[in-house]
C-alpha atoms as a PDB file:
ATOM      1  CA  MET A   1     112.773 112.195  94.048  1.00  0.00           C
ATOM      2  CA  THR A   2     111.734 109.525  96.570  1.00  0.00           C
ATOM      3  CA  ASN A   3     114.317 107.020  97.696  1.00  0.00           C
ATOM      4  CA  ALA A   4     113.567 103.998  99.861  1.00  0.00           C
ATOM      5  CA  LEU A   5     115.364 101.385 101.932  1.00  0.00           C
ATOM      6  CA  TYR A   6     114.316  97.745 102.115  1.00  0.00           C
ATOM      7  CA  ALA A   7     116.307  96.356 105.023  1.00  0.00           C
ATOM      8  CA  GLY A   8     116.677  92.807 106.269  1.00  0.00           C
ATOM      9  CA  SER A   9     119.105  90.003 106.925  1.00  0.00           C
ATOM     10  CA  PHE A  10     118.362  88.229 103.603  1.00  0.00           C
ATOM     11  CA  ASP A  11     120.045  85.022 104.776  1.00  0.00           C
ATOM     12  CA  PRO A  12     119.401  83.774 102.157  1.00  0.00           C
ATOM     13  CA  MET A  13     117.448  85.911  99.722  1.00  0.00           C
ATOM     14  CA  THR A  14     114.165  84.247  98.771  1.00  0.00           C
ATOM     15  CA  ARG A  15     111.844  84.658  95.815  1.00  0.00           C
ATOM     16  CA  GLY A  16     109.567  86.533  98.229  1.00  0.00           C
ATOM     17  CA  HIS A  17     112.298  89.099  98.893  1.00  0.00           C
ATOM     18  CA  LEU A  18     112.932  89.434  95.165  1.00  0.00           C
ATOM     19  CA  ASP A  19     109.214  89.931  94.553  1.00  0.00           C
ATOM     20  CA  VAL A  20     109.112  92.838  97.018  1.00  0.00           C
ATOM     21  CA  ILE A  21     112.304  94.342  95.545  1.00  0.00           C
ATOM     22  CA  ARG A  22     110.976  94.204  91.978  1.00  0.00           C
ATOM     23  CA  ARG A  23     107.656  95.753  92.939  1.00  0.00           C
ATOM     24  CA  ALA A  24     109.157  98.446  95.190  1.00  0.00           C
ATOM     25  CA  SER A  25     111.691  99.384  92.503  1.00  0.00           C
ATOM     26  CA  LYS A  26     108.759 100.401  90.286  1.00  0.00           C
ATOM     27  CA  VAL A  27     107.384 102.735  92.977  1.00  0.00           C
ATOM     28  CA  PHE A  28     110.539 104.533  94.112  1.00  0.00           C
ATOM     29  CA  ASP A  29     113.177 106.439  92.173  1.00  0.00           C
ATOM     30  CA  LYS A  30     115.950 104.584  93.982  1.00  0.00           C
ATOM     31  CA  LEU A  31     115.651 101.499  96.171  1.00  0.00           C
ATOM     32  CA  TYR A  32     118.437 100.494  98.503  1.00  0.00           C
ATOM     33  CA  VAL A  33     118.459  96.905  99.644  1.00  0.00           C
ATOM     34  CA  GLY A  34     120.141  97.141 103.017  1.00  0.00           C
ATOM     35  CA  ILE A  35     121.594  93.998 104.495  1.00  0.00           C
ATOM     36  CA  LEU A  36     121.611  94.237 108.240  1.00  0.00           C
ATOM     37  CA  ILE A  37     124.606  92.970 110.141  1.00  0.00           C
ATOM     38  CA  ASN A  38     122.859  91.340 113.086  1.00  0.00           C
ATOM     39  CA  TYR A  39     125.323  90.186 115.706  1.00  0.00           C
ATOM     40  CA  ALA A  40     122.584  88.294 117.564  1.00  0.00           C
ATOM     41  CA  LYS A  41     122.095  85.870 114.662  1.00  0.00           C
ATOM     42  CA  ASN A  42     124.329  83.113 113.353  1.00  0.00           C
ATOM     43  CA  PRO A  43     123.949  83.585 109.588  1.00  0.00           C
ATOM     44  CA  MET A  44     124.557  80.938 106.948  1.00  0.00           C
ATOM     45  CA  PHE A  45     126.220  83.506 104.675  1.00  0.00           C
ATOM     46  CA  THR A  46     128.704  86.235 105.521  1.00  0.00           C
ATOM     47  CA  ILE A  47     127.655  89.816 104.943  1.00  0.00           C
ATOM     48  CA  GLU A  48     129.931  89.954 101.876  1.00  0.00           C
ATOM     49  CA  GLU A  49     128.367  86.800 100.458  1.00  0.00           C
ATOM     50  CA  ARG A  50     124.860  88.173 100.959  1.00  0.00           C
ATOM     51  CA  VAL A  51     125.761  91.472  99.301  1.00  0.00           C
ATOM     52  CA  GLU A  52     127.135  89.605  96.270  1.00  0.00           C
ATOM     53  CA  MET A  53     124.169  87.203  96.224  1.00  0.00           C
ATOM     54  CA  ILE A  54     121.655  90.023  96.098  1.00  0.00           C
ATOM     55  CA  ARG A  55     123.666  92.126  93.651  1.00  0.00           C
ATOM     56  CA  GLU A  56     123.607  89.203  91.257  1.00  0.00           C
ATOM     57  CA  GLU A  57     119.838  88.828  91.631  1.00  0.00           C
ATOM     58  CA  VAL A  58     119.050  92.527  91.083  1.00  0.00           C
ATOM     59  CA  LYS A  59     121.633  93.362  88.426  1.00  0.00           C
ATOM     60  CA  ASP A  60     118.857  93.844  85.856  1.00  0.00           C
ATOM     61  CA  ILE A  61     117.069  96.482  87.974  1.00  0.00           C
ATOM     62  CA  PRO A  62     118.911  99.761  87.349  1.00  0.00           C
ATOM     63  CA  ASN A  63     117.518 101.758  90.281  1.00  0.00           C
ATOM     64  CA  VAL A  64     118.396  99.173  92.959  1.00  0.00           C
ATOM     65  CA  GLU A  65     121.599  99.384  94.971  1.00  0.00           C
ATOM     66  CA  VAL A  66     122.721  96.823  97.547  1.00  0.00           C
ATOM     67  CA  VAL A  67     124.420  98.044 100.734  1.00  0.00           C
ATOM     68  CA  SER A  68     125.204  96.634 104.168  1.00  0.00           C
ATOM     69  CA  PHE A  69     124.909  98.319 107.532  1.00  0.00           C
ATOM     70  CA  ASP A  70     124.891  97.697 111.244  1.00  0.00           C
ATOM     71  CA  GLY A  71     123.014  99.583 113.892  1.00  0.00           C
ATOM     72  CA  LEU A  72     119.571 101.084 113.691  1.00  0.00           C
ATOM     73  CA  VAL A  73     117.759 101.092 110.367  1.00  0.00           C
ATOM     74  CA  ILE A  74     116.856 104.750 110.912  1.00  0.00           C
ATOM     75  CA  GLU A  75     120.548 105.650 111.031  1.00  0.00           C
ATOM     76  CA  ALA A  76     121.182 103.757 107.788  1.00  0.00           C
ATOM     77  CA  ALA A  77     118.206 105.549 106.237  1.00  0.00           C
ATOM     78  CA  LYS A  78     119.604 108.933 107.273  1.00  0.00           C
ATOM     79  CA  LYS A  79     123.047 108.121 105.841  1.00  0.00           C
ATOM     80  CA  LEU A  80     121.489 106.991 102.557  1.00  0.00           C
ATOM     81  CA  GLY A  81     119.171 109.982 102.390  1.00  0.00           C
ATOM     82  CA  VAL A  82     115.974 107.956 102.116  1.00  0.00           C
ATOM     83  CA  SER A  83     112.559 109.038 103.314  1.00  0.00           C
ATOM     84  CA  VAL A  84     110.762 105.684 103.118  1.00  0.00           C
ATOM     85  CA  LEU A  85     111.350 102.270 104.635  1.00  0.00           C
ATOM     86  CA  VAL A  86     109.964  99.317 102.675  1.00  0.00           C
ATOM     87  CA  ARG A  87     108.701  96.261 104.508  1.00  0.00           C
ATOM     88  CA  GLY A  88     107.149  93.062 103.208  1.00  0.00           C
ATOM     89  CA  LEU A  89     104.156  91.470 104.890  1.00  0.00           C
ATOM     90  CA  ARG A  90     103.462  87.753 104.531  1.00  0.00           C
ATOM     91  CA  ALA A  91     100.677  87.208 107.029  1.00  0.00           C
ATOM     92  CA  VAL A  92      98.756  88.785 109.880  1.00  0.00           C
ATOM     93  CA  THR A  93     101.475  87.610 112.259  1.00  0.00           C
ATOM     94  CA  ASP A  94     104.001  89.788 110.408  1.00  0.00           C
ATOM     95  CA  PHE A  95     101.716  92.801 110.641  1.00  0.00           C
ATOM     96  CA  GLU A  96     101.789  93.036 114.439  1.00  0.00           C
ATOM     97  CA  TYR A  97     105.585  93.084 114.555  1.00  0.00           C
ATOM     98  CA  GLU A  98     105.981  95.302 111.487  1.00  0.00           C
ATOM     99  CA  ILE A  99     103.484  97.948 112.630  1.00  0.00           C
ATOM    100  CA  GLN A 100     105.235  98.091 115.998  1.00  0.00           C
ATOM    101  CA  MET A 101     108.584  98.629 114.254  1.00  0.00           C
ATOM    102  CA  ALA A 102     107.104 101.226 111.881  1.00  0.00           C
ATOM    103  CA  LEU A 103     105.667 103.192 114.807  1.00  0.00           C
ATOM    104  CA  LEU A 104     108.934 102.955 116.734  1.00  0.00           C
ATOM    105  CA  ASN A 105     110.946 104.117 113.715  1.00  0.00           C
ATOM    106  CA  ARG A 106     108.491 106.961 113.094  1.00  0.00           C
ATOM    107  CA  ASN A 107     108.847 108.016 116.724  1.00  0.00           C
ATOM    108  CA  LEU A 108     112.648 108.000 116.477  1.00  0.00           C
ATOM    109  CA  ALA A 109     112.788 109.627 113.032  1.00  0.00           C
ATOM    110  CA  ARG A 110     109.699 111.676 112.141  1.00  0.00           C
ATOM    111  CA  GLU A 111     110.935 112.209 108.589  1.00  0.00           C
ATOM    112  CA  LEU A 112     110.714 108.477 107.811  1.00  0.00           C
ATOM    113  CA  ASP A 113     107.589 106.733 106.616  1.00  0.00           C
ATOM    114  CA  THR A 114     107.115 102.990 106.225  1.00  0.00           C
ATOM    115  CA  VAL A 115     105.409 101.482 103.197  1.00  0.00           C
ATOM    116  CA  PHE A 116     104.223  97.890 103.369  1.00  0.00           C
ATOM    117  CA  PHE A 117     104.150  95.553 100.391  1.00  0.00           C
ATOM    118  CA  ALA A 118     101.963  92.504 100.780  1.00  0.00           C
ATOM    119  CA  THR A 119     103.999  89.576  99.537  1.00  0.00           C
ATOM    120  CA  SER A 120     102.543  87.762  96.569  1.00  0.00           C
ATOM    121  CA  LEU A 121     100.275  84.950  97.683  1.00  0.00           C
ATOM    122  CA  LYS A 122     102.543  82.280  96.219  1.00  0.00           C
ATOM    123  CA  TYR A 123     105.330  83.368  98.618  1.00  0.00           C
ATOM    124  CA  SER A 124     103.230  84.074 101.708  1.00  0.00           C
ATOM    125  CA  TYR A 125     104.517  81.015 103.589  1.00  0.00           C
ATOM    126  CA  LEU A 126     108.147  81.567 102.693  1.00  0.00           C
ATOM    127  CA  SER A 127     110.964  82.708 104.972  1.00  0.00           C
ATOM    128  CA  SER A 128     114.731  82.437 104.910  1.00  0.00           C
ATOM    129  CA  SER A 129     114.554  80.144 107.950  1.00  0.00           C
ATOM    130  CA  VAL A 130     112.215  77.744 106.140  1.00  0.00           C
ATOM    131  CA  VAL A 131     114.495  77.710 103.095  1.00  0.00           C
ATOM    132  CA  LYS A 132     117.538  76.888 105.218  1.00  0.00           C
ATOM    133  CA  GLU A 133     115.724  74.139 107.103  1.00  0.00           C
ATOM    134  CA  VAL A 134     114.407  72.447 103.952  1.00  0.00           C
ATOM    135  CA  ALA A 135     117.825  72.731 102.296  1.00  0.00           C
ATOM    136  CA  PHE A 136     119.568  71.327 105.376  1.00  0.00           C
ATOM    137  CA  TYR A 137     117.503  68.152 105.007  1.00  0.00           C
ATOM    138  CA  ASP A 138     118.239  68.077 101.259  1.00  0.00           C
ATOM    139  CA  GLY A 139     114.707  69.067 100.329  1.00  0.00           C
ATOM    140  CA  ASP A 140     113.677  70.704  97.078  1.00  0.00           C
ATOM    141  CA  ILE A 141     114.043  74.494  97.371  1.00  0.00           C
ATOM    142  CA  HIS A 142     113.956  75.516  93.703  1.00  0.00           C
ATOM    143  CA  ASN A 143     110.520  77.138  94.089  1.00  0.00           C
ATOM    144  CA  PHE A 144     111.746  79.155  97.086  1.00  0.00           C
ATOM    145  CA  VAL A 145     114.943  80.702  95.713  1.00  0.00           C
ATOM    146  CA  THR A 146     116.506  81.484  92.353  1.00  0.00           C
ATOM    147  CA  PRO A 147     118.850  78.913  90.750  1.00  0.00           C
ATOM    148  CA  ASN A 148     121.892  80.992  91.700  1.00  0.00           C
ATOM    149  CA  VAL A 149     120.860  81.221  95.361  1.00  0.00           C
ATOM    150  CA  GLU A 150     120.051  77.508  95.434  1.00  0.00           C
ATOM    151  CA  ARG A 151     123.545  76.754  94.135  1.00  0.00           C
ATOM    152  CA  LEU A 152     125.113  78.956  96.804  1.00  0.00           C
ATOM    153  CA  ILE A 153     123.077  77.289  99.549  1.00  0.00           C
ATOM    154  CA  ARG A 154     124.015  73.799  98.322  1.00  0.00           C
ATOM    155  CA  GLU A 155     127.695  74.774  98.156  1.00  0.00           C
ATOM    156  CA  LYS A 156     127.575  76.226 101.662  1.00  0.00           C
ATOM    157  CA  LEU A 157     125.937  73.114 103.097  1.00  0.00           C
ATOM    158  CA  ALA A 158     128.352  70.785 101.280  1.00  0.00           C
ATOM    159  CA  ALA A 159     131.301  72.648 102.805  1.00  0.00           C
ATOM    160  CA  LYS A 160     130.093  71.983 106.372  1.00  0.00           C
END
């Protein structure tokens, strides 16, 4: 049985993230979506809100479980008992960073492999930062996120 971990900040979750999750869930027996608590960032959503957001979006995928963690991804992988890290690639610029991280993680934890999923072409330009910026200026984000995530973003911005 091969279990994998797809880790990120997911602030917010985009259709690109969901695309990678759906595709990776077909490859691995169990896929953990790990939401990283990154103290260096100022997230739009709390860790609890992101966990709930993603759980709602993946509730129809039986082999996906949403968890949160802080610290190194390799430590989370060890605790979860996974042998593969999943990463999405949007463009060549992602590849340089992601290969560096994959090599670093492999050096720190020889038992872990990284598998890259090329994001679908229609989401290759998409990032959580872009979604937040467009939403902040009241732009149309319905093609970037699911209706539920769009609602949550609009509610969060209205509360500020």
